[in-house]
Amino acid sequence: MNLVKPYGDTLNDGAMQISFTLPVPFGGKAKECAKLYLEKLGFKKADIVHMAELSESFSFFVAYVKTDVSIDYDSVEFTPAIDKAMSMDEVNAFIKEKIKRKVVVVGAATGFDAHTVGIDAIMNMKGYNHHFGLERYPMIEAMNMGAQVPNEKLIETAKKINADAILISQIVTQKDSHIKNLTNFIELIEAEKLRDKFVLIVGGPRINNKLALELGFDAGFGPGTYAEDVATFIVKKLYEKKVK
């Protein structure tokens, strides 16, 4: 076993920083309430180091706490969508050699999600943080449909342009709205018996590969993902389907 605990000043001292909001008026009683709540959660020490009034009836807190709870790191199961990303040049070379035609990708932020930052970072030519987007890849035809795209319209467009892969970005996650919308997408595409026609990928701040697979997608990518990560998965998945 490889037991680990949070690290603050000393290895495995169990120190953590926690921030949270309580629906209580700002003041001394609110601070004491926050401290008692953390102790009730099982932390052996809790210090409120910062608090702020959010509104007349809501207060925000930052606390330092300590815990005796540890976890066996060796028992943690994690399967990423890819082991290692290829570079843009490597992806293009892979497509030329293995797939022998351009790969068509369509993406959007679907449902009521109006945020394009995620899908733009992956698809737009300029990309993000010095990582070019899929529009820059010579061997990829990328179509970014933007935000607030109905699931039905995304599927219809994917059929129309004969897409190989569909990308969905979900930034808004309040009350698990992303789960409901993604579930609806899978239900729609399965109803049309098109599930096996496309490589389906979802990304967003609350997305990981495990969740994506549970929902019925081929892969999921969270924060820190770049176009080459997504492109690597797509082209390898297409090649895998081709050789089967």
C-alpha atoms as a PDB file:
ATOM      1  CA  MET A   1       0.000   0.000   0.000  1.00  0.00           C
ATOM      2  CA  ASN A   2       1.051   3.581  -0.671  1.00  0.00           C
ATOM      3  CA  LEU A   3      -0.944   5.681   1.811  1.00  0.00           C
ATOM      4  CA  VAL A   4      -0.941   9.430   1.181  1.00  0.00           C
ATOM      5  CA  LYS A   5      -2.498  12.465   2.861  1.00  0.00           C
ATOM      6  CA  PRO A   6      -2.680  16.160   1.925  1.00  0.00           C
ATOM      7  CA  TYR A   7       0.564  18.098   2.287  1.00  0.00           C
ATOM      8  CA  GLY A   8       0.876  21.545   3.876  1.00  0.00           C
ATOM      9  CA  ASP A   9       4.036  22.393   5.818  1.00  0.00           C
ATOM     10  CA  THR A  10       5.209  18.840   6.444  1.00  0.00           C
ATOM     11  CA  LEU A  11       4.809  15.719   4.311  1.00  0.00           C
ATOM     12  CA  ASN A  12       1.520  13.950   5.094  1.00  0.00           C
ATOM     13  CA  ASP A  13       0.514  16.490   7.766  1.00  0.00           C
ATOM     14  CA  GLY A  14      -3.052  16.388   6.421  1.00  0.00           C
ATOM     15  CA  ALA A  15      -3.273  20.156   5.913  1.00  0.00           C
ATOM     16  CA  MET A  16      -5.790  21.448   3.373  1.00  0.00           C
ATOM     17  CA  GLN A  17      -7.225  24.761   2.193  1.00  0.00           C
ATOM     18  CA  ILE A  18     -10.985  24.823   1.666  1.00  0.00           C
ATOM     19  CA  SER A  19     -13.272  27.547   0.342  1.00  0.00           C
ATOM     20  CA  PHE A  20     -17.063  27.465   0.526  1.00  0.00           C
ATOM     21  CA  THR A  21     -20.215  29.554   0.906  1.00  0.00           C
ATOM     22  CA  LEU A  22     -22.933  29.372   3.562  1.00  0.00           C
ATOM     23  CA  PRO A  23     -26.391  30.983   3.334  1.00  0.00           C
ATOM     24  CA  VAL A  24     -25.871  33.043   6.508  1.00  0.00           C
ATOM     25  CA  PRO A  25     -25.413  36.811   7.167  1.00  0.00           C
ATOM     26  CA  PHE A  26     -21.825  38.076   7.389  1.00  0.00           C
ATOM     27  CA  GLY A  27     -20.433  38.413  10.927  1.00  0.00           C
ATOM     28  CA  GLY A  28     -18.907  36.684  13.921  1.00  0.00           C
ATOM     29  CA  LYS A  29     -21.697  34.148  14.228  1.00  0.00           C
ATOM     30  CA  ALA A  30     -21.240  33.199  10.581  1.00  0.00           C
ATOM     31  CA  LYS A  31     -17.521  32.623  11.161  1.00  0.00           C
ATOM     32  CA  GLU A  32     -18.197  30.394  14.161  1.00  0.00           C
ATOM     33  CA  CYS A  33     -20.863  28.525  12.194  1.00  0.00           C
ATOM     34  CA  ALA A  34     -18.389  27.843   9.394  1.00  0.00           C
ATOM     35  CA  LYS A  35     -15.767  26.574  11.857  1.00  0.00           C
ATOM     36  CA  LEU A  36     -18.251  24.252  13.591  1.00  0.00           C
ATOM     37  CA  TYR A  37     -19.460  22.949  10.232  1.00  0.00           C
ATOM     38  CA  LEU A  38     -15.943  21.965   9.191  1.00  0.00           C
ATOM     39  CA  GLU A  39     -15.391  20.215  12.518  1.00  0.00           C
ATOM     40  CA  LYS A  40     -18.672  18.386  12.010  1.00  0.00           C
ATOM     41  CA  LEU A  41     -17.330  17.121   8.688  1.00  0.00           C
ATOM     42  CA  GLY A  42     -14.562  15.375  10.626  1.00  0.00           C
ATOM     43  CA  PHE A  43     -11.602  17.735  10.298  1.00  0.00           C
ATOM     44  CA  LYS A  44      -9.564  17.651  13.495  1.00  0.00           C
ATOM     45  CA  LYS A  45      -8.598  21.320  13.207  1.00  0.00           C
ATOM     46  CA  ALA A  46     -10.339  24.163  11.401  1.00  0.00           C
ATOM     47  CA  ASP A  47      -9.268  27.803  11.178  1.00  0.00           C
ATOM     48  CA  ILE A  48     -11.267  30.378   9.232  1.00  0.00           C
ATOM     49  CA  VAL A  49      -8.563  32.583   7.703  1.00  0.00           C
ATOM     50  CA  HIS A  50     -10.739  34.710   5.436  1.00  0.00           C
ATOM     51  CA  MET A  51     -14.406  35.585   5.093  1.00  0.00           C
ATOM     52  CA  ALA A  52     -16.358  37.979   2.884  1.00  0.00           C
ATOM     53  CA  GLU A  53     -19.934  39.143   2.508  1.00  0.00           C
ATOM     54  CA  LEU A  54     -21.425  37.995  -0.784  1.00  0.00           C
ATOM     55  CA  SER A  55     -24.859  39.465  -0.154  1.00  0.00           C
ATOM     56  CA  GLU A  56     -27.150  40.246   2.764  1.00  0.00           C
ATOM     57  CA  SER A  57     -27.728  36.550   3.466  1.00  0.00           C
ATOM     58  CA  PHE A  58     -24.616  34.809   2.066  1.00  0.00           C
ATOM     59  CA  SER A  59     -21.037  34.626   3.346  1.00  0.00           C
ATOM     60  CA  PHE A  60     -17.886  33.224   1.769  1.00  0.00           C
ATOM     61  CA  PHE A  61     -15.119  31.502   3.743  1.00  0.00           C
ATOM     62  CA  VAL A  62     -11.568  30.294   3.258  1.00  0.00           C
ATOM     63  CA  ALA A  63     -10.319  27.851   5.889  1.00  0.00           C
ATOM     64  CA  TYR A  64      -7.234  25.838   6.770  1.00  0.00           C
ATOM     65  CA  VAL A  65      -8.083  22.388   8.070  1.00  0.00           C
ATOM     66  CA  LYS A  66      -6.312  19.165   8.973  1.00  0.00           C
ATOM     67  CA  THR A  67      -7.390  15.579   8.464  1.00  0.00           C
ATOM     68  CA  ASP A  68      -6.234  12.137   9.560  1.00  0.00           C
ATOM     69  CA  VAL A  69      -7.807  10.494   6.508  1.00  0.00           C
ATOM     70  CA  SER A  70      -5.400   8.925   4.007  1.00  0.00           C
ATOM     71  CA  ILE A  71      -5.844   7.070   0.725  1.00  0.00           C
ATOM     72  CA  ASP A  72      -4.014   4.177  -0.899  1.00  0.00           C
ATOM     73  CA  TYR A  73      -2.605   5.731  -4.063  1.00  0.00           C
ATOM     74  CA  ASP A  74      -1.851   2.305  -5.536  1.00  0.00           C
ATOM     75  CA  SER A  75      -5.562   1.406  -5.446  1.00  0.00           C
ATOM     76  CA  VAL A  76      -6.637   4.434  -7.511  1.00  0.00           C
ATOM     77  CA  GLU A  77      -7.962   3.484 -10.944  1.00  0.00           C
ATOM     78  CA  PHE A  78      -7.542   5.981 -13.775  1.00  0.00           C
ATOM     79  CA  THR A  79      -7.676   5.493 -17.532  1.00  0.00           C
ATOM     80  CA  PRO A  80      -6.914   8.551 -19.690  1.00  0.00           C
ATOM     81  CA  ALA A  81      -8.349   8.891 -23.168  1.00  0.00           C
ATOM     82  CA  ILE A  82      -4.814   8.772 -24.626  1.00  0.00           C
ATOM     83  CA  ASP A  83      -1.408   7.796 -23.274  1.00  0.00           C
ATOM     84  CA  LYS A  84       0.574  10.400 -25.192  1.00  0.00           C
ATOM     85  CA  ALA A  85      -0.450  13.048 -27.699  1.00  0.00           C
ATOM     86  CA  MET A  86       1.096  13.272 -31.132  1.00  0.00           C
ATOM     87  CA  SER A  87       2.218  16.646 -32.453  1.00  0.00           C
ATOM     88  CA  MET A  88       0.268  18.405 -35.212  1.00  0.00           C
ATOM     89  CA  ASP A  89       2.798  17.208 -37.809  1.00  0.00           C
ATOM     90  CA  GLU A  90       2.632  13.649 -36.478  1.00  0.00           C
ATOM     91  CA  VAL A  91      -1.183  13.688 -36.638  1.00  0.00           C
ATOM     92  CA  ASN A  92      -1.133  14.860 -40.249  1.00  0.00           C
ATOM     93  CA  ALA A  93       1.458  12.242 -41.176  1.00  0.00           C
ATOM     94  CA  PHE A  94      -0.590   9.540 -39.436  1.00  0.00           C
ATOM     95  CA  ILE A  95      -3.702  10.539 -41.416  1.00  0.00           C
ATOM     96  CA  LYS A  96      -1.823  10.505 -44.720  1.00  0.00           C
ATOM     97  CA  GLU A  97      -0.269   7.115 -44.054  1.00  0.00           C
ATOM     98  CA  LYS A  98      -3.045   5.261 -42.228  1.00  0.00           C
ATOM     99  CA  ILE A  99      -6.366   6.856 -43.225  1.00  0.00           C
ATOM    100  CA  LYS A 100      -5.350   8.198 -46.646  1.00  0.00           C
ATOM    101  CA  ARG A 101      -7.935  10.987 -46.796  1.00  0.00           C
ATOM    102  CA  LYS A 102      -8.894  14.102 -44.881  1.00  0.00           C
ATOM    103  CA  VAL A 103     -10.656  13.604 -41.551  1.00  0.00           C
ATOM    104  CA  VAL A 104     -13.880  15.586 -41.078  1.00  0.00           C
ATOM    105  CA  VAL A 105     -14.683  16.932 -37.600  1.00  0.00           C
ATOM    106  CA  VAL A 106     -17.682  18.980 -36.479  1.00  0.00           C
ATOM    107  CA  GLY A 107     -18.044  20.527 -33.032  1.00  0.00           C
ATOM    108  CA  ALA A 108     -20.260  22.787 -30.938  1.00  0.00           C
ATOM    109  CA  ALA A 109     -21.303  23.838 -27.473  1.00  0.00           C
ATOM    110  CA  THR A 110     -24.773  22.326 -27.399  1.00  0.00           C
ATOM    111  CA  GLY A 111     -28.021  22.902 -25.562  1.00  0.00           C
ATOM    112  CA  PHE A 112     -28.299  26.208 -23.691  1.00  0.00           C
ATOM    113  CA  ASP A 113     -24.513  26.465 -23.270  1.00  0.00           C
ATOM    114  CA  ALA A 114     -23.489  29.868 -24.662  1.00  0.00           C
ATOM    115  CA  HIS A 115     -19.759  29.534 -23.936  1.00  0.00           C
ATOM    116  CA  THR A 116     -17.497  28.997 -26.950  1.00  0.00           C
ATOM    117  CA  VAL A 117     -14.164  29.211 -25.125  1.00  0.00           C
ATOM    118  CA  GLY A 118     -13.771  25.416 -24.943  1.00  0.00           C
ATOM    119  CA  ILE A 119     -14.758  24.479 -28.473  1.00  0.00           C
ATOM    120  CA  ASP A 120     -12.815  27.474 -29.875  1.00  0.00           C
ATOM    121  CA  ALA A 121      -9.634  26.410 -28.061  1.00  0.00           C
ATOM    122  CA  ILE A 122      -9.778  23.007 -29.735  1.00  0.00           C
ATOM    123  CA  MET A 123     -11.098  23.897 -33.185  1.00  0.00           C
ATOM    124  CA  ASN A 124     -10.226  27.489 -34.126  1.00  0.00           C
ATOM    125  CA  MET A 125      -7.106  27.964 -36.224  1.00  0.00           C
ATOM    126  CA  LYS A 126      -5.293  30.086 -33.619  1.00  0.00           C
ATOM    127  CA  GLY A 127      -5.989  27.501 -30.916  1.00  0.00           C
ATOM    128  CA  TYR A 128      -4.980  28.227 -27.341  1.00  0.00           C
ATOM    129  CA  ASN A 129      -1.763  28.740 -25.367  1.00  0.00           C
ATOM    130  CA  HIS A 130       0.499  28.265 -28.429  1.00  0.00           C
ATOM    131  CA  HIS A 131      -1.311  25.067 -29.465  1.00  0.00           C
ATOM    132  CA  PHE A 132      -2.938  25.409 -32.902  1.00  0.00           C
ATOM    133  CA  GLY A 133      -6.556  24.320 -33.312  1.00  0.00           C
ATOM    134  CA  LEU A 134      -7.886  21.649 -35.665  1.00  0.00           C
ATOM    135  CA  GLU A 135      -8.601  24.206 -38.407  1.00  0.00           C
ATOM    136  CA  ARG A 136      -4.810  24.566 -38.788  1.00  0.00           C
ATOM    137  CA  TYR A 137      -4.302  20.847 -39.493  1.00  0.00           C
ATOM    138  CA  PRO A 138      -3.906  20.319 -43.272  1.00  0.00           C
ATOM    139  CA  MET A 139      -5.391  16.822 -43.129  1.00  0.00           C
ATOM    140  CA  ILE A 140      -8.438  17.774 -41.018  1.00  0.00           C
ATOM    141  CA  GLU A 141     -11.597  19.521 -42.205  1.00  0.00           C
ATOM    142  CA  ALA A 142     -12.895  21.220 -39.050  1.00  0.00           C
ATOM    143  CA  MET A 143     -16.324  22.851 -38.720  1.00  0.00           C
ATOM    144  CA  ASN A 144     -17.029  24.862 -35.562  1.00  0.00           C
ATOM    145  CA  MET A 145     -20.768  25.507 -35.183  1.00  0.00           C
ATOM    146  CA  GLY A 146     -20.379  27.761 -32.139  1.00  0.00           C
ATOM    147  CA  ALA A 147     -22.634  27.821 -29.092  1.00  0.00           C
ATOM    148  CA  GLN A 148     -26.248  27.091 -28.142  1.00  0.00           C
ATOM    149  CA  VAL A 149     -26.538  24.530 -30.911  1.00  0.00           C
ATOM    150  CA  PRO A 150     -29.421  22.068 -30.461  1.00  0.00           C
ATOM    151  CA  ASN A 151     -28.299  18.439 -30.297  1.00  0.00           C
ATOM    152  CA  GLU A 152     -30.580  17.657 -33.219  1.00  0.00           C
ATOM    153  CA  LYS A 153     -28.901  20.303 -35.406  1.00  0.00           C
ATOM    154  CA  LEU A 154     -25.407  19.049 -34.561  1.00  0.00           C
ATOM    155  CA  ILE A 155     -26.357  15.492 -35.510  1.00  0.00           C
ATOM    156  CA  GLU A 156     -28.037  16.654 -38.713  1.00  0.00           C
ATOM    157  CA  THR A 157     -24.959  18.654 -39.704  1.00  0.00           C
ATOM    158  CA  ALA A 158     -22.658  15.725 -38.948  1.00  0.00           C
ATOM    159  CA  LYS A 159     -24.747  13.569 -41.281  1.00  0.00           C
ATOM    160  CA  LYS A 160     -24.813  16.246 -43.984  1.00  0.00           C
ATOM    161  CA  ILE A 161     -21.039  16.761 -44.127  1.00  0.00           C
ATOM    162  CA  ASN A 162     -20.300  13.062 -43.551  1.00  0.00           C
ATOM    163  CA  ALA A 163     -18.278  13.796 -40.430  1.00  0.00           C
ATOM    164  CA  ASP A 164     -15.910  11.290 -38.901  1.00  0.00           C
ATOM    165  CA  ALA A 165     -16.047  12.789 -35.418  1.00  0.00           C
ATOM    166  CA  ILE A 166     -18.385  14.967 -33.347  1.00  0.00           C
ATOM    167  CA  LEU A 167     -17.029  17.182 -30.561  1.00  0.00           C
ATOM    168  CA  ILE A 168     -19.244  18.621 -27.838  1.00  0.00           C
ATOM    169  CA  SER A 169     -18.125  21.271 -25.361  1.00  0.00           C
ATOM    170  CA  GLN A 170     -20.003  21.702 -22.080  1.00  0.00           C
ATOM    171  CA  ILE A 171     -18.999  24.594 -19.842  1.00  0.00           C
ATOM    172  CA  VAL A 172     -22.254  25.186 -17.945  1.00  0.00           C
ATOM    173  CA  THR A 173     -22.668  22.474 -15.309  1.00  0.00           C
ATOM    174  CA  GLN A 174     -25.096  23.919 -12.745  1.00  0.00           C
ATOM    175  CA  LYS A 175     -27.527  21.327 -11.413  1.00  0.00           C
ATOM    176  CA  ASP A 176     -25.868  18.743 -13.709  1.00  0.00           C
ATOM    177  CA  SER A 177     -27.306  20.406 -16.806  1.00  0.00           C
ATOM    178  CA  HIS A 178     -24.368  19.009 -18.801  1.00  0.00           C
ATOM    179  CA  ILE A 179     -25.293  15.442 -17.818  1.00  0.00           C
ATOM    180  CA  LYS A 180     -28.886  15.903 -18.959  1.00  0.00           C
ATOM    181  CA  ASN A 181     -27.842  17.483 -22.262  1.00  0.00           C
ATOM    182  CA  LEU A 182     -25.183  14.873 -23.040  1.00  0.00           C
ATOM    183  CA  THR A 183     -27.565  12.047 -22.182  1.00  0.00           C
ATOM    184  CA  ASN A 184     -30.103  13.574 -24.557  1.00  0.00           C
ATOM    185  CA  PHE A 185     -27.484  13.714 -27.329  1.00  0.00           C
ATOM    186  CA  ILE A 186     -26.620  10.033 -26.954  1.00  0.00           C
ATOM    187  CA  GLU A 187     -30.301   9.073 -26.886  1.00  0.00           C
ATOM    188  CA  LEU A 188     -30.929  11.021 -30.100  1.00  0.00           C
ATOM    189  CA  ILE A 189     -27.982   9.565 -31.984  1.00  0.00           C
ATOM    190  CA  GLU A 190     -28.797   6.030 -30.849  1.00  0.00           C
ATOM    191  CA  ALA A 191     -32.423   6.499 -31.897  1.00  0.00           C
ATOM    192  CA  GLU A 192     -31.181   7.222 -35.424  1.00  0.00           C
ATOM    193  CA  LYS A 193     -28.912   4.161 -35.240  1.00  0.00           C
ATOM    194  CA  LEU A 194     -25.861   6.338 -35.906  1.00  0.00           C
ATOM    195  CA  ARG A 195     -23.845   5.654 -32.773  1.00  0.00           C
ATOM    196  CA  ASP A 196     -21.188   3.605 -34.587  1.00  0.00           C
ATOM    197  CA  LYS A 197     -20.893   6.041 -37.500  1.00  0.00           C
ATOM    198  CA  PHE A 198     -19.071   8.762 -35.535  1.00  0.00           C
ATOM    199  CA  VAL A 199     -16.271   9.125 -33.028  1.00  0.00           C
ATOM    200  CA  LEU A 200     -17.978  10.982 -30.172  1.00  0.00           C
ATOM    201  CA  ILE A 201     -15.947  13.214 -27.869  1.00  0.00           C
ATOM    202  CA  VAL A 202     -17.017  15.546 -25.078  1.00  0.00           C
ATOM    203  CA  GLY A 203     -14.953  18.102 -23.191  1.00  0.00           C
ATOM    204  CA  GLY A 204     -15.370  20.641 -20.422  1.00  0.00           C
ATOM    205  CA  PRO A 205     -14.318  21.691 -16.903  1.00  0.00           C
ATOM    206  CA  ARG A 206     -16.367  18.935 -15.234  1.00  0.00           C
ATOM    207  CA  ILE A 207     -15.657  16.259 -17.824  1.00  0.00           C
ATOM    208  CA  ASN A 208     -13.254  13.341 -17.563  1.00  0.00           C
ATOM    209  CA  ASN A 209     -12.790  10.187 -19.590  1.00  0.00           C
ATOM    210  CA  LYS A 210     -14.570   7.974 -17.057  1.00  0.00           C
ATOM    211  CA  LEU A 211     -17.713  10.124 -17.088  1.00  0.00           C
ATOM    212  CA  ALA A 212     -17.692  10.337 -20.887  1.00  0.00           C
ATOM    213  CA  LEU A 213     -17.530   6.561 -21.249  1.00  0.00           C
ATOM    214  CA  GLU A 214     -20.342   6.114 -18.715  1.00  0.00           C
ATOM    215  CA  LEU A 215     -22.530   8.482 -20.726  1.00  0.00           C
ATOM    216  CA  GLY A 216     -21.850   6.626 -23.982  1.00  0.00           C
ATOM    217  CA  PHE A 217     -19.131   8.741 -25.609  1.00  0.00           C
ATOM    218  CA  ASP A 218     -15.828   7.410 -26.924  1.00  0.00           C
ATOM    219  CA  ALA A 219     -13.675   9.792 -24.904  1.00  0.00           C
ATOM    220  CA  GLY A 220     -13.780  12.738 -22.529  1.00  0.00           C
ATOM    221  CA  PHE A 221     -11.276  15.535 -21.994  1.00  0.00           C
ATOM    222  CA  GLY A 222     -11.080  17.986 -19.105  1.00  0.00           C
ATOM    223  CA  PRO A 223      -9.122  21.176 -18.358  1.00  0.00           C
ATOM    224  CA  GLY A 224      -5.633  21.379 -19.853  1.00  0.00           C
ATOM    225  CA  THR A 225      -6.634  19.653 -23.092  1.00  0.00           C
ATOM    226  CA  TYR A 226      -5.259  20.863 -26.423  1.00  0.00           C
ATOM    227  CA  ALA A 227      -6.188  20.166 -30.045  1.00  0.00           C
ATOM    228  CA  GLU A 228      -3.409  17.595 -30.455  1.00  0.00           C
ATOM    229  CA  ASP A 229      -4.867  15.516 -27.592  1.00  0.00           C
ATOM    230  CA  VAL A 230      -8.255  15.393 -29.275  1.00  0.00           C
ATOM    231  CA  ALA A 231      -6.780  14.886 -32.750  1.00  0.00           C
ATOM    232  CA  THR A 232      -4.615  12.007 -31.533  1.00  0.00           C
ATOM    233  CA  PHE A 233      -7.622  10.192 -30.107  1.00  0.00           C
ATOM    234  CA  ILE A 234      -9.744  10.778 -33.211  1.00  0.00           C
ATOM    235  CA  VAL A 235      -7.234   9.518 -35.772  1.00  0.00           C
ATOM    236  CA  LYS A 236      -6.215   6.483 -33.725  1.00  0.00           C
ATOM    237  CA  LYS A 237      -9.866   5.587 -33.107  1.00  0.00           C
ATOM    238  CA  LEU A 238     -10.651   5.927 -36.821  1.00  0.00           C
ATOM    239  CA  TYR A 239      -7.712   3.717 -37.728  1.00  0.00           C
ATOM    240  CA  GLU A 240      -8.779   1.162 -35.110  1.00  0.00           C
ATOM    241  CA  LYS A 241     -12.273   1.072 -36.654  1.00  0.00           C
ATOM    242  CA  LYS A 242     -10.780   0.829 -40.150  1.00  0.00           C
ATOM    243  CA  VAL A 243      -8.632  -2.224 -39.455  1.00  0.00           C
ATOM    244  CA  LYS A 244     -11.330  -4.152 -37.585  1.00  0.00           C
END
